[in-house]
N, C-alpha and C. Protein backbone atom coordinates (compact mmCIF):
# COMPACT_ATOMS: atom_id res chain seq x y z
N UNK A 1 -1.50 34.89 -35.18
CA UNK A 1 -0.81 35.32 -34.36
C UNK A 1 -1.64 35.09 -32.76
N UNK A 2 -2.86 35.20 -32.78
CA UNK A 2 -3.45 34.66 -31.53
C UNK A 2 -3.67 33.64 -31.66
N UNK A 3 -3.81 32.64 -32.15
CA UNK A 3 -3.59 30.97 -32.04
C UNK A 3 -2.23 30.37 -31.88
N UNK A 4 -1.21 31.30 -32.13
CA UNK A 4 0.10 30.41 -31.86
C UNK A 4 0.47 31.18 -29.96
N UNK A 5 -0.33 31.89 -29.84
CA UNK A 5 -0.14 32.85 -28.35
C UNK A 5 -1.23 32.31 -27.50
N UNK A 6 -2.43 30.89 -27.79
CA UNK A 6 -3.12 30.27 -27.19
C UNK A 6 -2.77 29.17 -27.36
N UNK A 7 -2.22 28.66 -27.89
CA UNK A 7 -1.59 27.15 -28.56
C UNK A 7 -0.29 27.40 -27.23
N UNK A 8 0.30 28.69 -27.56
CA UNK A 8 1.86 28.42 -27.08
C UNK A 8 1.51 28.09 -25.31
N UNK A 9 0.70 28.80 -25.12
CA UNK A 9 0.13 29.17 -23.16
C UNK A 9 -0.95 27.51 -22.65
N UNK A 10 -1.87 26.99 -24.29
CA UNK A 10 -1.92 25.69 -23.34
C UNK A 10 -1.08 25.03 -23.31
N UNK A 11 0.30 25.06 -24.13
CA UNK A 11 1.30 23.81 -24.21
C UNK A 11 1.85 24.22 -22.86
N UNK A 12 2.88 25.09 -22.51
CA UNK A 12 3.10 25.47 -21.39
C UNK A 12 2.56 24.99 -20.04
N UNK A 13 1.16 25.66 -19.95
CA UNK A 13 0.20 25.00 -18.58
C UNK A 13 0.15 23.61 -18.64
N UNK A 14 0.41 22.75 -19.86
CA UNK A 14 0.20 21.32 -19.55
C UNK A 14 1.63 20.73 -19.43
N UNK A 15 2.58 21.58 -19.51
CA UNK A 15 3.98 20.89 -19.42
C UNK A 15 4.16 21.17 -17.74
N UNK A 16 3.69 22.38 -17.25
CA UNK A 16 3.57 21.80 -15.76
C UNK A 16 3.05 21.09 -15.10
N UNK A 17 2.15 20.72 -15.79
CA UNK A 17 0.68 19.74 -14.72
C UNK A 17 1.62 18.53 -14.43
N UNK A 18 1.30 18.12 -13.34
CA UNK A 18 2.26 16.96 -12.91
C UNK A 18 0.77 15.99 -12.23
N UNK A 19 1.14 14.48 -12.09
CA UNK A 19 -0.18 13.38 -12.27
C UNK A 19 0.18 13.14 -10.68
N UNK A 20 -0.55 13.30 -10.03
CA UNK A 20 -0.26 12.63 -8.34
C UNK A 20 -1.31 11.38 -7.99
N UNK A 21 -1.19 10.41 -7.33
CA UNK A 21 -2.53 9.51 -6.45
C UNK A 21 -2.35 10.70 -5.32
N UNK A 22 -3.74 9.77 -4.80
CA UNK A 22 -4.26 10.93 -3.41
C UNK A 22 -3.34 10.46 -2.48
N UNK A 23 -2.26 8.89 -2.13
CA UNK A 23 -1.59 8.18 -1.42
C UNK A 23 -0.17 9.80 -1.85
N UNK A 24 0.14 9.90 -3.27
CA UNK A 24 1.35 10.46 -3.17
C UNK A 24 0.94 11.65 -2.40
N UNK A 25 -0.19 12.65 -2.45
CA UNK A 25 -0.25 13.62 -2.10
C UNK A 25 -0.53 13.59 -0.41
N UNK A 26 -1.00 12.47 0.27
CA UNK A 26 -0.96 12.15 2.26
C UNK A 26 0.46 12.50 2.72
N UNK A 27 0.78 13.14 3.55
CA UNK A 27 1.31 13.15 4.31
C UNK A 27 2.10 12.16 5.01
N UNK A 28 3.42 11.62 5.18
CA UNK A 28 3.79 10.04 5.76
C UNK A 28 3.04 10.17 6.79
N UNK A 29 2.85 8.93 7.09
CA UNK A 29 2.51 8.78 8.92
C UNK A 29 4.08 8.34 9.61
N UNK A 30 4.16 8.90 10.78
CA UNK A 30 5.54 9.30 11.42
C UNK A 30 4.41 8.27 12.55
N UNK A 31 5.45 7.16 13.07
CA UNK A 31 4.67 6.19 14.06
C UNK A 31 6.12 6.16 15.53
N UNK A 32 5.34 6.99 16.56
CA UNK A 32 6.19 6.84 17.20
C UNK A 32 6.41 5.94 18.10
N UNK A 33 7.01 5.20 18.38
CA UNK A 33 7.28 3.64 19.37
C UNK A 33 6.50 2.56 18.33
N UNK A 34 6.49 1.34 19.06
CA UNK A 34 6.16 -0.02 18.69
C UNK A 34 4.52 0.03 17.86
N UNK A 35 5.03 -0.28 16.37
CA UNK A 35 4.24 -0.53 15.67
C UNK A 35 3.12 -2.00 16.14
N UNK A 36 1.93 -1.73 15.99
CA UNK A 36 0.76 -2.79 16.65
C UNK A 36 -0.03 -3.36 15.54
N UNK A 37 -0.81 -4.24 15.49
CA UNK A 37 -1.75 -4.42 14.53
C UNK A 37 -2.86 -3.76 14.52
N UNK A 38 -3.64 -4.04 15.97
CA UNK A 38 -4.43 -2.90 15.72
C UNK A 38 -4.12 -1.57 16.08
N UNK A 39 -3.27 -0.85 16.08
CA UNK A 39 -3.28 0.55 15.68
C UNK A 39 -2.39 0.89 14.81
N UNK A 40 -1.84 -0.22 14.30
CA UNK A 40 -1.09 0.67 13.01
C UNK A 40 -1.71 0.07 11.56
N UNK A 41 -1.43 -1.92 11.51
CA UNK A 41 -1.60 -2.56 9.98
C UNK A 41 -3.03 -2.74 10.09
N UNK A 42 -3.79 -3.24 10.96
CA UNK A 42 -4.70 -3.27 10.58
C UNK A 42 -5.91 -3.15 9.24
N UNK A 43 -5.68 -1.67 9.53
CA UNK A 43 -6.08 -0.64 8.45
C UNK A 43 -5.60 -1.04 7.65
N UNK A 44 -4.35 -0.82 7.15
CA UNK A 44 -3.90 -1.51 5.97
C UNK A 44 -4.50 -2.89 5.04
N UNK A 45 -3.81 -4.10 5.95
CA UNK A 45 -4.79 -5.17 5.78
C UNK A 45 -6.42 -4.88 5.47
N UNK A 46 -7.15 -4.20 6.09
CA UNK A 46 -8.58 -4.34 5.93
C UNK A 46 -8.78 -3.54 4.40
N UNK A 47 -8.17 -2.73 4.25
CA UNK A 47 -8.10 -1.57 3.09
C UNK A 47 -7.76 -2.20 1.48
N UNK A 48 -6.53 -3.09 1.76
CA UNK A 48 -6.04 -3.51 0.79
C UNK A 48 -6.28 -4.81 0.58
N UNK A 49 -6.77 -5.42 1.24
CA UNK A 49 -6.53 -7.41 0.77
C UNK A 49 -7.63 -7.95 1.68
N UNK A 50 -8.88 -7.95 2.51
CA UNK A 50 -9.18 -8.81 2.80
C UNK A 50 -10.39 -8.32 1.49
N UNK A 51 -10.26 -7.60 0.38
CA UNK A 51 -11.49 -8.35 -0.91
C UNK A 51 -11.13 -9.34 -1.06
N UNK A 52 -10.06 -9.61 -1.54
CA UNK A 52 -9.59 -11.13 -2.22
C UNK A 52 -9.11 -12.16 -0.91
N UNK A 53 -8.95 -11.64 0.19
CA UNK A 53 -8.42 -12.72 1.05
C UNK A 53 -9.30 -13.03 2.25
N UNK A 54 -10.64 -13.19 2.32
CA UNK A 54 -11.59 -12.95 3.54
C UNK A 54 -11.73 -14.40 4.37
N UNK A 55 -12.00 -14.58 5.51
CA UNK A 55 -11.83 -15.98 6.22
C UNK A 55 -12.95 -16.62 5.26
N UNK A 56 -12.33 -17.51 5.71
CA UNK A 56 -13.01 -18.40 4.19
C UNK A 56 -12.97 -18.90 3.38
N UNK A 57 -12.60 -18.05 2.22
CA UNK A 57 -11.93 -17.81 0.49
C UNK A 57 -11.19 -19.18 1.04
N UNK A 58 -10.89 -18.89 -0.59
CA UNK A 58 -10.12 -19.83 -1.15
C UNK A 58 -8.60 -19.79 -1.34
N UNK A 59 -8.76 -17.93 -0.93
CA UNK A 59 -7.15 -17.41 -1.11
C UNK A 59 -6.82 -17.52 0.36
N UNK A 60 -5.30 -17.32 0.89
CA UNK A 60 -4.88 -17.22 2.08
C UNK A 60 -5.74 -16.33 3.40
N UNK A 61 -6.42 -16.94 3.97
CA UNK A 61 -6.85 -15.50 4.57
C UNK A 61 -5.98 -14.40 5.41
N UNK A 62 -6.79 -13.17 5.02
CA UNK A 62 -6.09 -12.12 6.01
C UNK A 62 -6.93 -10.89 6.52
N UNK A 63 -7.73 -11.77 7.33
CA UNK A 63 -8.89 -11.04 7.91
C UNK A 63 -8.14 -10.95 9.64
N UNK A 64 -8.17 -11.70 9.83
CA UNK A 64 -8.31 -11.68 11.38
C UNK A 64 -6.77 -11.23 11.50
N UNK A 65 -6.47 -10.66 13.13
CA UNK A 65 -5.06 -10.96 13.32
C UNK A 65 -4.16 -12.42 13.60
N UNK A 66 -4.65 -13.29 14.11
CA UNK A 66 -4.18 -14.72 13.81
C UNK A 66 -3.61 -15.55 12.28
N UNK A 67 -4.92 -14.53 11.52
CA UNK A 67 -4.54 -15.16 10.14
C UNK A 67 -3.68 -14.31 8.92
N UNK A 68 -3.21 -12.98 9.83
CA UNK A 68 -2.42 -12.33 9.23
C UNK A 68 -0.40 -12.71 9.48
N UNK A 69 -0.96 -12.55 10.99
CA UNK A 69 0.24 -13.03 11.73
C UNK A 69 0.58 -14.31 11.14
N UNK A 70 0.10 -15.03 10.61
CA UNK A 70 0.31 -16.45 10.53
C UNK A 70 0.77 -16.51 8.94
N UNK A 71 0.70 -15.52 7.95
CA UNK A 71 1.02 -15.63 6.45
C UNK A 71 2.11 -14.82 6.42
N UNK A 72 2.65 -13.67 7.47
CA UNK A 72 3.52 -12.99 7.78
C UNK A 72 4.71 -14.16 8.02
N UNK A 73 4.46 -15.22 8.75
CA UNK A 73 5.39 -15.83 9.34
C UNK A 73 5.78 -17.19 8.39
N UNK A 74 4.42 -17.63 7.50
CA UNK A 74 4.72 -18.84 6.74
C UNK A 74 4.53 -19.11 5.68
N UNK A 75 4.21 -17.54 5.46
CA UNK A 75 4.02 -16.96 3.33
C UNK A 75 5.19 -16.12 3.23
N UNK A 76 5.27 -15.63 1.62
CA UNK A 76 6.23 -14.75 1.39
C UNK A 76 5.64 -13.22 0.73
N UNK A 77 4.37 -12.78 1.59
CA UNK A 77 3.14 -11.99 1.66
C UNK A 77 4.67 -10.55 1.90
N UNK A 78 5.34 -10.48 2.52
CA UNK A 78 6.49 -9.26 2.44
C UNK A 78 7.53 -9.31 1.94
N UNK A 79 7.57 -10.00 0.64
CA UNK A 79 8.09 -10.04 -0.66
C UNK A 79 6.98 -10.01 -1.39
N UNK A 80 5.73 -10.39 -1.67
CA UNK A 80 4.59 -10.14 -2.50
C UNK A 80 4.10 -8.64 -2.27
N UNK A 81 4.23 -7.98 -0.98
CA UNK A 81 4.00 -6.68 -1.28
C UNK A 81 5.07 -5.93 -1.42
N UNK A 82 6.06 -5.92 -1.13
CA UNK A 82 7.14 -5.03 -1.84
C UNK A 82 7.85 -5.26 -3.67
N UNK A 83 6.86 -6.06 -4.12
CA UNK A 83 7.55 -6.45 -5.65
C UNK A 83 6.74 -5.34 -6.63
N UNK A 84 6.85 -4.65 -7.22
CA UNK A 84 7.05 -3.46 -8.58
C UNK A 84 5.44 -3.91 -8.96
N UNK A 85 4.83 -3.06 -9.22
CA UNK A 85 3.57 -3.15 -10.24
C UNK A 85 4.41 -3.84 -11.58
N UNK A 86 3.40 -4.99 -11.82
CA UNK A 86 3.96 -5.90 -12.97
C UNK A 86 4.30 -6.92 -13.22
N UNK A 87 5.19 -7.21 -11.68
CA UNK A 87 5.85 -8.17 -11.41
C UNK A 87 5.04 -9.26 -11.47
N UNK A 88 4.98 -10.87 -11.47
CA UNK A 88 4.65 -11.52 -11.09
C UNK A 88 4.18 -11.87 -9.71
N UNK A 89 2.81 -11.83 -9.07
CA UNK A 89 2.79 -12.41 -7.60
C UNK A 89 2.56 -10.90 -7.04
N UNK A 90 2.88 -9.75 -7.58
CA UNK A 90 3.24 -8.48 -6.69
C UNK A 90 1.32 -8.32 -5.92
N UNK A 91 1.59 -7.95 -4.99
CA UNK A 91 0.36 -8.06 -4.37
C UNK A 91 0.62 -6.36 -3.50
N UNK A 92 -0.73 -5.82 -3.35
CA UNK A 92 -2.16 -6.47 -4.09
C UNK A 92 -2.16 -6.24 -5.74
N UNK A 93 -2.77 -6.95 -6.41
CA UNK A 93 -3.30 -7.26 -7.56
C UNK A 93 -3.73 -5.53 -8.44
N UNK A 94 -4.36 -4.89 -7.73
CA UNK A 94 -4.90 -4.03 -7.88
C UNK A 94 -3.96 -2.63 -7.79
N UNK A 95 -2.84 -2.88 -7.46
CA UNK A 95 -1.66 -1.73 -7.09
C UNK A 95 -0.93 -2.38 -6.28
N UNK A 96 0.57 -2.05 -6.54
CA UNK A 96 1.36 -1.30 -5.05
C UNK A 96 0.86 -0.02 -4.58
N UNK A 97 0.79 -1.13 -3.00
CA UNK A 97 0.42 0.17 -1.90
C UNK A 97 1.51 1.14 -1.64
N UNK A 98 1.19 2.12 -1.46
CA UNK A 98 2.05 3.16 -1.01
C UNK A 98 3.40 2.73 -0.29
N UNK A 99 4.98 3.19 -0.51
CA UNK A 99 6.13 2.65 0.41
C UNK A 99 5.62 3.12 2.02
N UNK A 100 4.63 3.81 2.35
CA UNK A 100 4.74 4.25 3.81
C UNK A 100 4.59 3.21 4.17
N UNK A 101 2.81 2.89 3.67
CA UNK A 101 2.01 1.31 4.30
C UNK A 101 3.23 0.16 4.47
N UNK A 102 3.73 -0.07 3.63
CA UNK A 102 4.44 -1.29 3.18
C UNK A 102 5.33 -1.08 4.24
N UNK A 103 6.38 0.22 4.65
CA UNK A 103 7.09 0.07 5.85
C UNK A 103 6.53 -0.13 6.99
N UNK A 104 5.42 0.60 7.27
CA UNK A 104 4.44 0.52 8.12
C UNK A 104 4.22 -1.14 8.73
N UNK A 105 3.82 -1.89 7.73
CA UNK A 105 3.72 -3.37 7.28
C UNK A 105 5.35 -3.94 8.36
N UNK A 106 6.49 -3.47 7.13
CA UNK A 106 7.65 -4.68 7.60
C UNK A 106 8.15 -3.79 9.10
N UNK A 107 7.74 -2.76 9.68
CA UNK A 107 8.29 -2.00 10.80
C UNK A 107 7.58 -3.68 11.82
N UNK A 108 6.36 -3.03 11.59
CA UNK A 108 5.49 -4.44 12.54
C UNK A 108 5.95 -6.07 12.79
N UNK A 109 6.37 -6.46 11.03
CA UNK A 109 7.34 -7.38 11.53
C UNK A 109 8.66 -7.47 12.12
N UNK A 110 9.36 -6.52 12.02
CA UNK A 110 10.25 -6.18 13.11
C UNK A 110 10.38 -5.82 14.39
N UNK A 111 9.07 -5.41 14.74
CA UNK A 111 8.74 -4.94 16.34
C UNK A 111 8.26 -5.90 16.67
N UNK A 112 7.88 -7.03 15.93
CA UNK A 112 7.45 -8.77 16.52
C UNK A 112 6.17 -8.91 16.46
N UNK A 113 5.10 -8.36 15.47
CA UNK A 113 3.89 -8.65 15.26
C UNK A 113 2.89 -9.24 16.25
N UNK A 114 3.10 -8.02 17.01
CA UNK A 114 2.34 -8.02 18.26
C UNK A 114 0.53 -7.28 17.82
N UNK A 115 -0.24 -7.57 18.49
CA UNK A 115 -1.77 -7.44 17.93
C UNK A 115 -2.07 -6.29 18.98
N UNK A 116 -1.24 -5.74 20.34
CA UNK A 116 -2.12 -4.17 20.49
C UNK A 116 -0.79 -3.55 21.17
């Protein structure tokens, strides 16, 4: 009888567990005013893109403001970062960024791709 009680307790405790990533537990970033590269998006590109897209590499560089702005204007960067995991061409390849980070990049584009 004790086995069934313990087993029921274990099953109920596992049933109530959630799997969250650290990003899903973060508070959404609220940006008041205009989104700029230096203040809002540089850190996103640095953390998610330049490992594979450094200046002087074989892929489109995404390390400097000029490189990122050029990629935003002349490649399908916005499309690729919005693709779902597993979709061909989705970036970053390691897994989709949080929607909050994608929204920041989209807003930067809407606000005119300002540097400062």
